[in-house]
N, C-alpha and C. Protein backbone atom coordinates (compact mmCIF):
# COMPACT_ATOMS: atom_id res chain seq x y z
N MET A 1 -10.46 -2.95 28.59
CA MET A 1 -11.25 -2.28 29.64
C MET A 1 -10.47 -0.97 29.96
N ALA A 2 -11.27 0.02 30.08
CA ALA A 2 -10.76 1.37 30.48
C ALA A 2 -11.04 1.54 31.97
N LEU A 3 -10.08 1.61 32.78
CA LEU A 3 -10.19 1.83 34.25
C LEU A 3 -9.52 3.14 34.42
N THR A 4 -10.43 4.23 34.69
CA THR A 4 -9.96 5.62 34.63
C THR A 4 -10.68 6.49 35.61
N ALA A 5 -10.05 7.60 35.93
CA ALA A 5 -10.69 8.54 36.72
C ALA A 5 -11.64 9.53 35.95
N TYR A 6 -11.63 9.42 34.61
CA TYR A 6 -12.51 10.15 33.80
C TYR A 6 -13.90 9.57 33.85
N ALA A 7 -14.82 10.09 34.57
CA ALA A 7 -16.08 9.40 34.82
C ALA A 7 -17.40 10.01 34.24
N GLN A 8 -17.20 11.05 33.35
CA GLN A 8 -18.32 11.61 32.79
C GLN A 8 -18.91 10.76 31.62
N ALA A 9 -20.17 10.82 31.38
CA ALA A 9 -20.80 10.07 30.31
C ALA A 9 -20.11 10.18 29.02
N SER A 10 -19.58 11.44 28.70
CA SER A 10 -18.84 11.65 27.46
C SER A 10 -17.46 10.89 27.47
N ASP A 11 -16.85 10.72 28.60
CA ASP A 11 -15.62 9.98 28.76
C ASP A 11 -15.96 8.47 28.48
N ARG A 12 -17.03 8.01 28.99
CA ARG A 12 -17.37 6.60 28.75
C ARG A 12 -17.67 6.44 27.21
N ALA A 13 -18.42 7.34 26.65
CA ALA A 13 -18.66 7.24 25.24
C ALA A 13 -17.50 7.16 24.38
N ARG A 14 -16.46 8.04 24.76
CA ARG A 14 -15.18 8.11 24.02
C ARG A 14 -14.42 6.83 24.14
N ALA A 15 -14.39 6.25 25.34
CA ALA A 15 -13.61 5.06 25.55
C ALA A 15 -14.30 3.91 24.72
N LEU A 16 -15.58 3.82 24.75
CA LEU A 16 -16.23 2.75 23.95
C LEU A 16 -16.04 2.96 22.51
N ALA A 17 -16.12 4.13 22.02
CA ALA A 17 -15.87 4.46 20.60
C ALA A 17 -14.51 4.15 20.20
N ALA A 18 -13.58 4.29 21.08
CA ALA A 18 -12.14 3.98 20.83
C ALA A 18 -11.88 2.51 20.78
N GLY A 19 -12.79 1.64 21.13
CA GLY A 19 -12.63 0.24 21.11
C GLY A 19 -12.52 -0.54 22.38
N PHE A 20 -12.65 0.23 23.49
CA PHE A 20 -12.67 -0.50 24.78
C PHE A 20 -13.96 -1.27 24.87
N GLN A 21 -13.88 -2.40 25.57
CA GLN A 21 -15.11 -3.22 25.67
C GLN A 21 -15.97 -2.79 26.96
N ALA A 22 -15.25 -2.09 27.86
CA ALA A 22 -15.83 -1.66 29.08
C ALA A 22 -15.20 -0.36 29.61
N HIS A 23 -15.94 0.43 30.39
CA HIS A 23 -15.38 1.59 31.02
C HIS A 23 -15.73 1.56 32.49
N VAL A 24 -14.74 1.58 33.40
CA VAL A 24 -15.02 1.62 34.80
C VAL A 24 -14.31 2.86 35.44
N ALA A 25 -15.11 3.55 36.06
CA ALA A 25 -14.59 4.83 36.69
C ALA A 25 -13.93 4.56 38.09
N LYS A 26 -12.77 5.13 38.32
CA LYS A 26 -12.14 5.04 39.69
C LYS A 26 -12.71 6.11 40.52
N PRO A 27 -12.74 5.96 41.85
CA PRO A 27 -12.45 4.67 42.51
C PRO A 27 -13.65 3.73 42.26
N CYS A 28 -13.39 2.45 42.25
CA CYS A 28 -14.45 1.45 42.05
C CYS A 28 -14.27 0.37 43.15
N GLU A 29 -15.35 -0.30 43.33
CA GLU A 29 -15.33 -1.42 44.33
C GLU A 29 -14.67 -2.60 43.69
N PRO A 30 -13.99 -3.41 44.40
CA PRO A 30 -13.38 -4.62 43.78
C PRO A 30 -14.42 -5.55 43.13
N ASP A 31 -15.63 -5.75 43.75
CA ASP A 31 -16.54 -6.56 43.19
C ASP A 31 -17.05 -6.05 41.86
N GLN A 32 -17.12 -4.77 41.66
CA GLN A 32 -17.55 -4.20 40.38
C GLN A 32 -16.55 -4.49 39.34
N LEU A 33 -15.26 -4.33 39.73
CA LEU A 33 -14.21 -4.71 38.71
C LEU A 33 -14.17 -6.09 38.38
N LEU A 34 -14.39 -7.02 39.32
CA LEU A 34 -14.43 -8.45 38.97
C LEU A 34 -15.66 -8.77 38.12
N ARG A 35 -16.81 -8.18 38.39
CA ARG A 35 -17.96 -8.36 37.45
C ARG A 35 -17.71 -8.02 36.13
N VAL A 36 -17.02 -6.81 35.86
CA VAL A 36 -16.71 -6.32 34.56
C VAL A 36 -15.79 -7.28 33.79
N LEU A 37 -14.73 -7.72 34.62
CA LEU A 37 -13.80 -8.68 34.01
C LEU A 37 -14.42 -10.04 33.66
N ALA A 38 -15.26 -10.52 34.58
CA ALA A 38 -15.98 -11.80 34.29
C ALA A 38 -16.86 -11.68 33.07
N ARG A 39 -17.57 -10.58 32.91
CA ARG A 39 -18.39 -10.39 31.77
C ARG A 39 -17.56 -10.36 30.42
N SER A 40 -16.38 -9.75 30.54
CA SER A 40 -15.45 -9.68 29.35
C SER A 40 -14.98 -11.08 28.98
N VAL A 41 -14.58 -11.87 30.03
CA VAL A 41 -14.13 -13.24 29.75
C VAL A 41 -15.28 -14.02 29.17
N ARG A 42 -16.52 -13.95 29.66
CA ARG A 42 -17.61 -14.67 29.15
C ARG A 42 -17.80 -14.38 27.67
N ARG A 43 -17.71 -13.05 27.37
CA ARG A 43 -17.96 -12.66 25.88
C ARG A 43 -16.89 -13.28 25.02
N LEU A 44 -15.65 -13.20 25.56
CA LEU A 44 -14.49 -13.73 24.73
C LEU A 44 -14.75 -15.28 24.51
N ARG A 45 -15.10 -15.99 25.55
CA ARG A 45 -15.31 -17.41 25.44
C ARG A 45 -16.53 -17.72 24.46
N GLU A 46 -17.51 -16.86 24.53
CA GLU A 46 -18.71 -17.16 23.62
C GLU A 46 -18.29 -16.96 22.22
N ALA A 47 -17.39 -15.98 21.92
CA ALA A 47 -16.93 -15.79 20.51
C ALA A 47 -16.00 -16.85 20.16
N ASP A 48 -15.14 -17.44 21.05
CA ASP A 48 -14.26 -18.51 20.69
C ASP A 48 -13.95 -19.32 21.95
N PRO A 49 -14.51 -20.48 22.14
CA PRO A 49 -14.45 -21.19 23.43
C PRO A 49 -12.96 -21.56 23.79
N ARG A 50 -12.06 -21.53 22.80
CA ARG A 50 -10.64 -21.82 23.05
C ARG A 50 -9.92 -20.65 23.77
N THR A 51 -10.54 -19.52 23.84
CA THR A 51 -9.98 -18.29 24.45
C THR A 51 -9.67 -18.49 25.86
N LEU A 52 -8.60 -18.01 26.31
CA LEU A 52 -8.21 -18.02 27.65
C LEU A 52 -8.21 -19.40 28.34
N GLY A 53 -7.81 -20.38 27.61
CA GLY A 53 -7.62 -21.69 28.19
C GLY A 53 -8.77 -22.55 28.32
N ALA A 54 -9.96 -22.03 27.89
CA ALA A 54 -11.13 -22.87 27.98
C ALA A 54 -11.10 -24.08 27.03
N ASN A 55 -11.72 -25.17 27.38
CA ASN A 55 -11.78 -26.32 26.54
C ASN A 55 -12.87 -26.22 25.52
N ALA A 56 -13.09 -27.19 24.69
CA ALA A 56 -14.08 -27.10 23.63
C ALA A 56 -15.45 -26.91 24.23
N ALA A 57 -15.72 -27.38 25.42
CA ALA A 57 -17.02 -27.20 26.06
C ALA A 57 -17.23 -25.85 26.77
N GLY A 58 -16.07 -25.02 26.64
CA GLY A 58 -16.13 -23.67 27.26
C GLY A 58 -15.80 -23.72 28.78
N GLU A 59 -15.28 -24.83 29.24
CA GLU A 59 -14.93 -25.01 30.61
C GLU A 59 -13.47 -24.65 30.84
N SER A 60 -13.19 -23.96 31.88
CA SER A 60 -11.76 -23.66 32.19
C SER A 60 -11.10 -24.82 32.96
N PRO A 61 -9.88 -25.10 32.65
CA PRO A 61 -9.22 -26.15 33.42
C PRO A 61 -8.96 -25.69 34.85
N ASP A 62 -8.98 -26.63 35.76
CA ASP A 62 -8.86 -26.37 37.17
C ASP A 62 -7.38 -26.07 37.36
N PRO A 63 -7.04 -24.87 37.75
CA PRO A 63 -5.57 -24.51 37.99
C PRO A 63 -4.92 -25.14 39.18
N PHE A 64 -5.66 -25.87 40.01
CA PHE A 64 -5.14 -26.46 41.22
C PHE A 64 -5.23 -27.91 41.15
């Protein structure tokens, strides 16, 4: 994820072309950042359910 002050459409296009999965312009609201992170995690888990500690069913273990 690119979290940057470069907020023009061309900056977003460059970041995505460089391989970033998402582009978020600063300043951003915390909930926007969390939504982008959650979407990225979902995509990773869909590609490989074992990613980021998910079990075979795609469920995360309860850390508490």
